[in-house]
Amino acid sequence: MWWQTILDVRDGVGQIDSGWMLDNITRRVGDGMSTLFWVDPWLEGKPLCNIFTCLYELAENKLDTVAKLFTRGWGVNVEAWKWPRRLFAWEELLGECIGRLSNFFIQGDRADSWIWTLHDSNCYSVSSAYYFLTDMEVDGQHQHHNNYRFLWLKAVPLKVLIFAWRLFLNWILTRDKLFHRKVLLVSEQGCIVNYGFNEDRDHLFLTCGFFGGV
C-alpha cells in the first residue's frame, strides 16, 4: 500500500494535472549517449514525439539516441531520418524540426543528466515536490490541499502529526482492518459500543454516536 501511494503521487492521482512530475523533469544533453532523441524531454523541455507526433509515428528509429542522430547529421536528406517512404505532406514539419535543432551541439566532455525544474539546484527534493503539489488544485474542485498543510506545523507534537498522517492514509488499525489481518472474527468487526456499524476509520472518527463525539 505504501508503494502504491508513492506511485499515485508520481502519476498525479487526484490532481488536475496528472503529468505534474514528467512536466517538471527535463534532460540536459552532454554527449547525447544516453538520451533518446524522440522520447526524452531534452529539447525545449518536451519530448519531440509530443511536438512532432506525425514524424515520430512515421520514424523507423524511434529509440535512437541524440548522439546517434547528431553523428549522422539532421539535415533534410541525411541518414539521421529513417522513413518507410517519402514524407510528402510532412516535409514542412520536418523543416520546422530541423530548424529547432540547428543551434544544438553535442558536448562530449560531459554525460547526460536529468534536471528537476522545481528547485534552483536542479536536483529533486521532497520539499519542492510537496509545495508544488499542495499548491495545485484538487481534481474537479476549486480548492487547495490546505487540509494537509497542518501536517508540517512544528507547533504540533510529533506523535500527533504521525497519527494524523496515518489517519488520512487510512492506516489506523481499526477493527475492520484487524479482521482483514485475521486477528478478529467476523462477529468482532462491529462497533464496540454497538452503534450498528462495522468499526472502520470513518465510523470510528466521524459517524459513531459515541466516539465520533469525542
Protein backbone atom coordinates (compact mmCIF):
# COMPACT_ATOMS: atom_id res chain seq x y z
CA MET A 1 0.00 0.00 0.00
CA TRP A 2 2.83 2.40 0.85
CA TRP A 3 4.50 1.99 -2.55
CA GLN A 4 1.12 2.29 -4.29
CA THR A 5 0.63 5.63 -2.55
CA ILE A 6 4.03 6.79 -3.83
CA LEU A 7 3.13 5.68 -7.36
CA ASP A 8 -0.20 7.53 -7.13
CA VAL A 9 1.64 10.73 -6.20
CA ARG A 10 4.06 10.26 -9.12
CA ASP A 11 1.20 9.62 -11.53
CA GLY A 12 -0.80 12.61 -10.29
CA VAL A 13 -3.80 10.66 -9.00
CA GLY A 14 -6.31 13.20 -7.69
CA GLN A 15 -4.53 16.14 -9.31
CA ILE A 16 -5.83 18.33 -12.13
CA ASP A 17 -2.50 17.92 -13.90
CA SER A 18 -1.81 14.19 -13.85
CA GLY A 19 1.54 14.66 -15.61
CA TRP A 20 2.95 17.03 -13.00
CA MET A 21 6.13 15.03 -12.38
CA LEU A 22 7.13 14.44 -16.00
CA ASP A 23 6.34 18.08 -16.78
CA ASN A 24 8.95 19.19 -14.24
CA ILE A 25 11.77 16.89 -15.35
CA THR A 26 13.96 17.68 -18.34
CA ARG A 27 17.04 16.14 -19.86
CA ARG A 28 20.33 18.07 -20.05
CA VAL A 29 22.27 16.70 -23.01
CA GLY A 30 26.03 16.40 -22.81
CA ASP A 31 27.45 13.70 -25.04
CA GLY A 32 23.93 12.56 -26.00
CA MET A 33 24.81 8.91 -25.47
CA SER A 34 22.00 8.10 -23.00
CA THR A 35 19.26 10.47 -24.18
CA LEU A 36 16.59 9.18 -26.54
CA PHE A 37 16.08 11.62 -29.43
CA TRP A 38 12.32 11.22 -29.82
CA VAL A 39 11.14 10.17 -26.36
CA ASP A 40 13.14 12.09 -23.73
CA PRO A 41 12.31 15.75 -22.88
CA TRP A 42 15.66 17.21 -23.93
CA LEU A 43 14.78 19.93 -26.48
CA GLU A 44 12.83 22.89 -25.09
CA GLY A 45 11.80 20.70 -22.16
CA LYS A 46 9.41 18.49 -24.13
CA PRO A 47 9.74 15.15 -25.94
CA LEU A 48 9.91 15.58 -29.70
CA CYS A 49 7.43 12.71 -30.05
CA ASN A 50 4.81 15.01 -28.49
CA ILE A 51 5.76 18.06 -30.56
CA PHE A 52 6.07 16.26 -33.90
CA THR A 53 3.68 13.35 -33.41
CA CYS A 54 3.26 12.57 -37.11
CA LEU A 55 7.02 12.43 -37.70
CA TYR A 56 7.51 10.21 -34.66
CA GLU A 57 4.82 7.74 -35.72
CA LEU A 58 6.41 7.53 -39.16
CA ALA A 59 10.02 7.25 -37.94
CA GLU A 60 11.66 3.81 -38.04
CA ASN A 61 14.34 4.74 -35.48
CA LYS A 62 12.14 5.68 -32.53
CA LEU A 63 14.68 4.61 -29.89
CA ASP A 64 17.86 6.13 -31.35
CA THR A 65 19.89 8.40 -29.09
CA VAL A 66 20.62 12.08 -29.64
CA ALA A 67 24.29 11.25 -30.20
CA LYS A 68 23.46 8.74 -32.93
CA LEU A 69 21.31 11.15 -34.91
CA PHE A 70 23.70 14.05 -34.36
CA THR A 71 26.58 11.99 -35.76
CA ARG A 72 24.56 11.12 -38.84
CA GLY A 73 23.52 14.74 -39.24
CA TRP A 74 19.96 16.03 -39.24
CA GLY A 75 19.60 17.97 -42.45
CA VAL A 76 16.78 17.34 -44.93
CA ASN A 77 18.31 14.45 -46.87
CA VAL A 78 20.69 12.78 -44.43
CA GLU A 79 20.90 9.39 -42.73
CA ALA A 80 19.56 10.61 -39.37
CA TRP A 81 16.00 10.33 -40.62
CA LYS A 82 14.67 6.87 -41.38
CA TRP A 83 11.24 6.84 -43.02
CA PRO A 84 9.43 3.90 -44.64
CA ARG A 85 8.56 6.20 -47.57
CA ARG A 86 8.92 9.78 -48.74
CA LEU A 87 7.38 12.32 -46.38
CA PHE A 88 5.35 14.39 -48.84
CA ALA A 89 2.81 16.12 -46.57
CA TRP A 90 5.13 16.06 -43.55
CA GLU A 91 8.06 17.82 -45.23
CA GLU A 92 7.11 21.17 -43.67
CA LEU A 93 7.04 19.57 -40.21
CA LEU A 94 10.50 18.11 -40.78
CA GLY A 95 11.76 21.56 -41.76
CA GLU A 96 10.41 23.01 -38.52
CA CYS A 97 12.03 20.18 -36.54
CA ILE A 98 15.40 20.74 -38.25
CA GLY A 99 15.08 24.46 -37.52
CA ARG A 100 14.76 23.78 -33.79
CA LEU A 101 17.83 21.54 -33.92
CA SER A 102 20.00 24.00 -35.84
CA ASN A 103 21.58 25.63 -32.76
CA PHE A 104 22.19 22.42 -30.84
CA PHE A 105 25.68 20.94 -30.40
CA ILE A 106 26.91 17.85 -28.57
CA GLN A 107 29.16 18.45 -25.53
CA GLY A 108 31.34 15.37 -25.50
CA ASP A 109 33.16 16.21 -22.26
CA ARG A 110 30.19 15.51 -20.00
CA ALA A 111 27.47 12.89 -19.64
CA ASP A 112 23.75 13.48 -19.99
CA SER A 113 21.81 14.22 -16.80
CA TRP A 114 18.30 14.81 -15.51
CA ILE A 115 17.13 18.26 -14.36
CA TRP A 116 14.46 18.89 -11.71
CA THR A 117 12.96 22.26 -12.63
CA LEU A 118 11.19 22.94 -9.32
CA HIS A 119 14.39 23.65 -7.39
CA ASP A 120 17.22 26.12 -8.02
CA SER A 121 19.78 23.35 -7.58
CA ASN A 122 18.17 21.38 -10.42
CA CYS A 123 18.14 18.41 -8.05
CA TYR A 124 14.99 16.72 -6.78
CA SER A 125 13.89 17.44 -3.22
CA VAL A 126 10.85 16.22 -1.31
CA SER A 127 10.05 19.72 -0.10
CA SER A 128 9.93 21.20 -3.61
CA ALA A 129 7.58 18.44 -4.77
CA TYR A 130 5.44 18.83 -1.65
CA TYR A 131 5.00 22.58 -2.01
CA PHE A 132 4.22 22.21 -5.71
CA LEU A 133 1.55 19.55 -5.04
CA THR A 134 -0.08 21.42 -2.18
CA ASP A 135 -0.41 24.50 -4.40
CA MET A 136 -2.20 22.50 -7.09
CA GLU A 137 -5.99 22.34 -7.09
CA VAL A 138 -7.77 19.11 -6.27
CA ASP A 139 -9.15 17.31 -9.33
CA GLY A 140 -12.67 18.55 -10.02
CA GLN A 141 -12.69 21.06 -7.14
CA HIS A 142 -11.56 24.66 -6.76
CA GLN A 143 -9.71 24.28 -3.51
CA HIS A 144 -6.15 23.65 -2.40
CA HIS A 145 -4.66 20.89 -0.28
CA ASN A 146 -4.95 23.04 2.83
CA ASN A 147 -6.17 20.01 4.81
CA TYR A 148 -2.65 18.55 4.59
CA ARG A 149 -0.65 21.69 5.38
CA PHE A 150 -1.11 21.24 9.13
CA LEU A 151 0.97 18.06 8.93
CA TRP A 152 4.05 20.28 8.64
CA LEU A 153 3.28 22.61 11.55
CA LYS A 154 6.17 22.42 14.01
CA ALA A 155 4.00 23.54 16.93
CA VAL A 156 2.06 20.26 16.83
CA PRO A 157 3.62 17.33 18.77
CA LEU A 158 5.29 14.78 16.52
CA LYS A 159 3.13 11.88 17.72
CA VAL A 160 0.01 13.90 16.80
CA LEU A 161 1.37 14.59 13.32
CA ILE A 162 2.19 10.92 12.79
CA PHE A 163 -1.25 9.86 13.98
CA ALA A 164 -2.98 12.40 11.71
CA TRP A 165 -0.86 11.29 8.78
CA ARG A 166 -1.78 7.65 9.37
CA LEU A 167 -5.42 8.64 9.77
CA PHE A 168 -5.51 10.41 6.39
CA LEU A 169 -3.88 7.39 4.75
CA ASN A 170 -6.33 5.05 6.49
CA TRP A 171 -3.54 3.17 8.25
CA ILE A 172 -5.16 3.15 11.72
CA LEU A 173 -5.71 -0.41 12.96
CA THR A 174 -9.47 -0.25 13.38
CA ARG A 175 -11.48 -3.44 13.89
CA ASP A 176 -12.25 -3.90 10.20
CA LYS A 177 -8.52 -3.90 9.42
CA LEU A 178 -7.81 -6.32 12.25
CA PHE A 179 -10.44 -8.63 10.71
CA HIS A 180 -8.73 -8.48 7.29
CA ARG A 181 -5.47 -9.36 9.03
CA LYS A 182 -7.27 -12.37 10.58
CA VAL A 183 -6.77 -11.03 14.11
CA LEU A 184 -10.54 -10.77 14.78
CA LEU A 185 -13.51 -12.89 13.78
CA VAL A 186 -16.37 -11.72 11.53
CA SER A 187 -18.59 -11.23 14.57
CA GLU A 188 -15.98 -8.95 16.17
CA GLN A 189 -15.93 -6.27 13.42
CA GLY A 190 -18.83 -4.31 14.87
CA CYS A 191 -18.66 -1.06 16.79
CA ILE A 192 -17.58 -1.77 20.35
CA VAL A 193 -20.40 0.40 21.77
CA ASN A 194 -22.97 -1.31 19.50
CA TYR A 195 -23.91 1.59 17.23
CA GLY A 196 -24.81 -0.87 14.48
CA PHE A 197 -21.86 -0.41 12.11
CA ASN A 198 -18.58 -2.13 11.47
CA GLU A 199 -15.74 -0.20 13.02
CA ASP A 200 -13.78 1.39 10.17
CA ARG A 201 -11.94 4.71 10.12
CA ASP A 202 -14.89 6.87 9.07
CA HIS A 203 -17.29 5.30 11.55
CA LEU A 204 -14.88 5.49 14.48
CA PHE A 205 -13.73 9.09 13.98
CA LEU A 206 -16.74 10.72 12.29
CA THR A 207 -20.09 8.96 12.40
CA CYS A 208 -20.08 6.92 15.61
CA GLY A 209 -22.56 8.46 18.06
CA PHE A 210 -20.19 7.84 20.96
CA PHE A 211 -16.59 8.02 19.76
CA GLY A 212 -17.33 10.47 16.93
CA GLY A 213 -18.49 12.96 19.51
CA VAL A 214 -15.26 12.59 21.43
